[in-house]
Amino acid sequence: MSPGRPTEPAGQSDHPSHPDRLGSVGHHDRLGRPPRVRVTSSRRGAATRRDLRPLTRDLDEQTDLGEVYMAGLMSAQLRLALRVLVFGALGLGGLPLLFLLVPDTRTLEVVGVPFPWLVLGALVYPVALLVARYYVRQSERIEREFSQVVGRR
């Protein structure tokens, strides 16, 4: 008995027109339908057929699907850029507001250095570097996830 073929009692023919063969002429149920036949493949380990058109082709040809994926990538990058921009604007824009609302900060000295200079020279640049590092890493993460989605399809 070979895998992928229906079993039949010994002595029956393999010829499809044999009257005792499943699915042959004359064997119908009470509604007049031919009986169901289960079809299986002998190639159990055969790979399923995948879409032969990669998503990168949709991106290159600028199809509607490619445009949707690119719009998703661009909107994720825009959201990241706006978050970083808002953080920077609030941080740097808040300093003059701090100096205006709390006048003592204008004349305060820490270890002989005026507080506004200390904040601008020692605090703003390291924070800017950390924010820049955050932006680059998140941008790379977004692009890496996009590449995985494109490569998976």
C-alpha atoms as a PDB file:
ATOM      1  CA  MET A   1       0.000   0.000   0.000  1.00  0.00           C
ATOM      2  CA  SER A   2       1.514   3.351  -0.963  1.00  0.00           C
ATOM      3  CA  PRO A   3       0.893   6.530   0.972  1.00  0.00           C
ATOM      4  CA  GLY A   4      -1.386   9.009  -0.718  1.00  0.00           C
ATOM      5  CA  ARG A   5      -3.697   6.438  -2.282  1.00  0.00           C
ATOM      6  CA  PRO A   6      -6.996   5.244  -0.845  1.00  0.00           C
ATOM      7  CA  THR A   7      -6.946   1.752   0.526  1.00  0.00           C
ATOM      8  CA  GLU A   8      -9.022  -0.870  -1.176  1.00  0.00           C
ATOM      9  CA  PRO A   9      -9.679  -4.516  -0.457  1.00  0.00           C
ATOM     10  CA  ALA A  10      -7.438  -7.061  -2.108  1.00  0.00           C
ATOM     11  CA  GLY A  11      -8.418  -8.097  -5.577  1.00  0.00           C
ATOM     12  CA  GLN A  12      -9.873  -4.775  -6.721  1.00  0.00           C
ATOM     13  CA  SER A  13      -8.424  -3.052  -9.727  1.00  0.00           C
ATOM     14  CA  ASP A  14      -6.478   0.212  -9.637  1.00  0.00           C
ATOM     15  CA  HIS A  15      -8.135   1.246 -12.878  1.00  0.00           C
ATOM     16  CA  PRO A  16     -10.387   4.316 -12.361  1.00  0.00           C
ATOM     17  CA  SER A  17     -13.241   2.866 -14.429  1.00  0.00           C
ATOM     18  CA  HIS A  18     -13.468  -0.314 -12.321  1.00  0.00           C
ATOM     19  CA  PRO A  19     -17.006  -0.515 -10.868  1.00  0.00           C
ATOM     20  CA  ASP A  20     -15.783  -1.189  -7.304  1.00  0.00           C
ATOM     21  CA  ARG A  21     -13.401   1.776  -7.316  1.00  0.00           C
ATOM     22  CA  LEU A  22     -14.170   4.771  -5.030  1.00  0.00           C
ATOM     23  CA  GLY A  23     -15.576   7.657  -7.024  1.00  0.00           C
ATOM     24  CA  SER A  24     -16.418   5.473  -9.988  1.00  0.00           C
ATOM     25  CA  VAL A  25     -19.526   5.776 -12.107  1.00  0.00           C
ATOM     26  CA  GLY A  26     -22.652   4.419 -10.450  1.00  0.00           C
ATOM     27  CA  HIS A  27     -21.665   4.960  -6.818  1.00  0.00           C
ATOM     28  CA  HIS A  28     -23.722   7.918  -5.599  1.00  0.00           C
ATOM     29  CA  ASP A  29     -25.303   8.746  -2.259  1.00  0.00           C
ATOM     30  CA  ARG A  30     -29.072   9.030  -1.834  1.00  0.00           C
ATOM     31  CA  LEU A  31     -28.997  12.642  -3.078  1.00  0.00           C
ATOM     32  CA  GLY A  32     -27.259  11.655  -6.287  1.00  0.00           C
ATOM     33  CA  ARG A  33     -23.849  13.059  -5.368  1.00  0.00           C
ATOM     34  CA  PRO A  34     -20.661  11.100  -5.978  1.00  0.00           C
ATOM     35  CA  PRO A  35     -18.905   9.976  -2.788  1.00  0.00           C
ATOM     36  CA  ARG A  36     -16.145  12.110  -1.323  1.00  0.00           C
ATOM     37  CA  VAL A  37     -12.603  10.969  -1.899  1.00  0.00           C
ATOM     38  CA  ARG A  38      -9.752  11.977   0.368  1.00  0.00           C
ATOM     39  CA  VAL A  39      -6.716  12.991  -1.651  1.00  0.00           C
ATOM     40  CA  THR A  40      -3.347  13.027   0.067  1.00  0.00           C
ATOM     41  CA  SER A  41       0.179  13.590  -1.080  1.00  0.00           C
ATOM     42  CA  SER A  42       2.925  11.077  -0.727  1.00  0.00           C
ATOM     43  CA  ARG A  43       5.315  14.005  -0.341  1.00  0.00           C
ATOM     44  CA  ARG A  44       4.643  14.741   3.321  1.00  0.00           C
ATOM     45  CA  GLY A  45       7.741  16.904   3.728  1.00  0.00           C
ATOM     46  CA  ALA A  46       7.042  18.985   0.650  1.00  0.00           C
ATOM     47  CA  ALA A  47       7.259  22.700   1.217  1.00  0.00           C
ATOM     48  CA  THR A  48       4.105  24.677   0.759  1.00  0.00           C
ATOM     49  CA  ARG A  49       4.092  27.127  -2.104  1.00  0.00           C
ATOM     50  CA  ARG A  50       4.860  30.644  -1.002  1.00  0.00           C
ATOM     51  CA  ASP A  51       4.126  33.830  -2.789  1.00  0.00           C
ATOM     52  CA  LEU A  52       6.878  34.102  -5.363  1.00  0.00           C
ATOM     53  CA  ARG A  53       6.543  37.887  -5.489  1.00  0.00           C
ATOM     54  CA  PRO A  54       8.609  39.366  -2.652  1.00  0.00           C
ATOM     55  CA  LEU A  55       7.458  42.508  -0.885  1.00  0.00           C
ATOM     56  CA  THR A  56      10.661  44.253  -1.933  1.00  0.00           C
ATOM     57  CA  ARG A  57       9.373  44.080  -5.481  1.00  0.00           C
ATOM     58  CA  ASP A  58       6.203  45.895  -4.391  1.00  0.00           C
ATOM     59  CA  LEU A  59       8.387  48.540  -2.782  1.00  0.00           C
ATOM     60  CA  ASP A  60      10.594  48.908  -5.854  1.00  0.00           C
ATOM     61  CA  GLU A  61       7.669  49.098  -8.245  1.00  0.00           C
ATOM     62  CA  GLN A  62       5.793  51.475  -5.919  1.00  0.00           C
ATOM     63  CA  THR A  63       2.588  49.449  -5.956  1.00  0.00           C
ATOM     64  CA  ASP A  64      -0.304  50.257  -3.628  1.00  0.00           C
ATOM     65  CA  LEU A  65       0.881  47.624  -1.147  1.00  0.00           C
ATOM     66  CA  GLY A  66       4.421  48.975  -1.272  1.00  0.00           C
ATOM     67  CA  GLU A  67       3.079  52.476  -0.674  1.00  0.00           C
ATOM     68  CA  VAL A  68       1.198  51.266   2.409  1.00  0.00           C
ATOM     69  CA  TYR A  69       4.342  49.706   3.865  1.00  0.00           C
ATOM     70  CA  MET A  70       6.427  52.791   3.090  1.00  0.00           C
ATOM     71  CA  ALA A  71       3.773  55.067   4.619  1.00  0.00           C
ATOM     72  CA  GLY A  72       3.884  52.940   7.773  1.00  0.00           C
ATOM     73  CA  LEU A  73       7.674  53.211   7.943  1.00  0.00           C
ATOM     74  CA  MET A  74       7.622  56.946   7.346  1.00  0.00           C
ATOM     75  CA  SER A  75       4.909  57.571   9.944  1.00  0.00           C
ATOM     76  CA  ALA A  76       6.847  55.573  12.564  1.00  0.00           C
ATOM     77  CA  GLN A  77       9.969  57.619  11.808  1.00  0.00           C
ATOM     78  CA  LEU A  78       7.946  60.852  11.929  1.00  0.00           C
ATOM     79  CA  ARG A  79       6.452  59.963  15.329  1.00  0.00           C
ATOM     80  CA  LEU A  80       9.937  59.282  16.679  1.00  0.00           C
ATOM     81  CA  ALA A  81      11.292  62.547  15.283  1.00  0.00           C
ATOM     82  CA  LEU A  82       8.388  64.532  16.731  1.00  0.00           C
ATOM     83  CA  ARG A  83       8.856  62.945  20.180  1.00  0.00           C
ATOM     84  CA  VAL A  84      12.533  63.910  20.171  1.00  0.00           C
ATOM     85  CA  LEU A  85      11.747  67.397  18.866  1.00  0.00           C
ATOM     86  CA  VAL A  86       9.085  68.026  21.528  1.00  0.00           C
ATOM     87  CA  PHE A  87      11.413  66.777  24.254  1.00  0.00           C
ATOM     88  CA  GLY A  88      14.186  69.088  23.040  1.00  0.00           C
ATOM     89  CA  ALA A  89      11.882  72.078  22.630  1.00  0.00           C
ATOM     90  CA  LEU A  90      10.431  71.645  26.108  1.00  0.00           C
ATOM     91  CA  GLY A  91      13.856  71.082  27.642  1.00  0.00           C
ATOM     92  CA  LEU A  92      15.665  73.969  25.980  1.00  0.00           C
ATOM     93  CA  GLY A  93      12.595  76.202  25.851  1.00  0.00           C
ATOM     94  CA  GLY A  94      11.945  75.599  29.512  1.00  0.00           C
ATOM     95  CA  LEU A  95      15.329  76.985  30.594  1.00  0.00           C
ATOM     96  CA  PRO A  96      14.587  80.635  29.761  1.00  0.00           C
ATOM     97  CA  LEU A  97      11.194  80.165  31.370  1.00  0.00           C
ATOM     98  CA  LEU A  98      12.887  78.799  34.488  1.00  0.00           C
ATOM     99  CA  PHE A  99      15.282  81.761  34.598  1.00  0.00           C
ATOM    100  CA  LEU A 100      12.348  84.152  34.128  1.00  0.00           C
ATOM    101  CA  LEU A 101      10.020  82.634  36.709  1.00  0.00           C
ATOM    102  CA  VAL A 102      12.704  81.943  39.333  1.00  0.00           C
ATOM    103  CA  PRO A 103      14.906  85.077  39.339  1.00  0.00           C
ATOM    104  CA  ASP A 104      17.303  83.632  41.923  1.00  0.00           C
ATOM    105  CA  THR A 105      18.545  81.124  39.323  1.00  0.00           C
ATOM    106  CA  ARG A 106      19.986  84.022  37.296  1.00  0.00           C
ATOM    107  CA  THR A 107      22.368  85.046  40.074  1.00  0.00           C
ATOM    108  CA  LEU A 108      22.918  81.669  41.732  1.00  0.00           C
ATOM    109  CA  GLU A 109      26.465  80.304  41.645  1.00  0.00           C
ATOM    110  CA  VAL A 110      27.517  76.690  42.111  1.00  0.00           C
ATOM    111  CA  VAL A 111      31.207  76.163  42.941  1.00  0.00           C
ATOM    112  CA  GLY A 112      31.915  79.658  41.637  1.00  0.00           C
ATOM    113  CA  VAL A 113      30.198  79.041  38.269  1.00  0.00           C
ATOM    114  CA  PRO A 114      26.954  80.892  37.433  1.00  0.00           C
ATOM    115  CA  PHE A 115      24.001  78.486  37.439  1.00  0.00           C
ATOM    116  CA  PRO A 116      22.775  79.358  33.886  1.00  0.00           C
ATOM    117  CA  TRP A 117      26.262  78.623  32.500  1.00  0.00           C
ATOM    118  CA  LEU A 118      26.462  75.403  34.462  1.00  0.00           C
ATOM    119  CA  VAL A 119      23.086  74.246  33.163  1.00  0.00           C
ATOM    120  CA  LEU A 120      23.874  75.206  29.569  1.00  0.00           C
ATOM    121  CA  GLY A 121      27.447  73.912  29.573  1.00  0.00           C
ATOM    122  CA  ALA A 122      27.285  70.842  31.777  1.00  0.00           C
ATOM    123  CA  LEU A 123      23.701  69.650  31.513  1.00  0.00           C
ATOM    124  CA  VAL A 124      22.369  70.463  28.047  1.00  0.00           C
ATOM    125  CA  TYR A 125      25.128  68.827  25.997  1.00  0.00           C
ATOM    126  CA  PRO A 126      25.167  65.456  27.795  1.00  0.00           C
ATOM    127  CA  VAL A 127      21.360  65.335  27.624  1.00  0.00           C
ATOM    128  CA  ALA A 128      21.506  66.223  23.915  1.00  0.00           C
ATOM    129  CA  LEU A 129      23.982  63.377  23.348  1.00  0.00           C
ATOM    130  CA  LEU A 130      21.729  60.932  25.207  1.00  0.00           C
ATOM    131  CA  VAL A 131      18.696  62.062  23.235  1.00  0.00           C
ATOM    132  CA  ALA A 132      20.651  61.738  19.968  1.00  0.00           C
ATOM    133  CA  ARG A 133      21.736  58.228  20.953  1.00  0.00           C
ATOM    134  CA  TYR A 134      18.132  57.341  21.811  1.00  0.00           C
ATOM    135  CA  TYR A 135      16.968  58.692  18.441  1.00  0.00           C
ATOM    136  CA  VAL A 136      19.545  56.716  16.454  1.00  0.00           C
ATOM    137  CA  ARG A 137      18.848  53.460  18.297  1.00  0.00           C
ATOM    138  CA  GLN A 138      15.079  53.794  17.950  1.00  0.00           C
ATOM    139  CA  SER A 139      15.416  54.715  14.283  1.00  0.00           C
ATOM    140  CA  GLU A 140      17.579  51.639  13.682  1.00  0.00           C
ATOM    141  CA  ARG A 141      15.045  49.496  15.572  1.00  0.00           C
ATOM    142  CA  ILE A 142      12.200  50.799  13.376  1.00  0.00           C
ATOM    143  CA  GLU A 143      14.191  50.072  10.210  1.00  0.00           C
ATOM    144  CA  ARG A 144      15.222  46.627  11.474  1.00  0.00           C
ATOM    145  CA  GLU A 145      11.585  45.715  12.209  1.00  0.00           C
ATOM    146  CA  PHE A 146      10.576  47.003   8.781  1.00  0.00           C
ATOM    147  CA  SER A 147      13.286  44.872   7.142  1.00  0.00           C
ATOM    148  CA  GLN A 148      12.083  41.799   9.054  1.00  0.00           C
ATOM    149  CA  VAL A 149       8.498  42.377   7.916  1.00  0.00           C
ATOM    150  CA  VAL A 150       9.626  42.871   4.323  1.00  0.00           C
ATOM    151  CA  GLY A 151      11.888  39.807   4.441  1.00  0.00           C
ATOM    152  CA  ARG A 152       9.244  37.592   6.045  1.00  0.00           C
ATOM    153  CA  ARG A 153       6.699  38.007   3.262  1.00  0.00           C
END
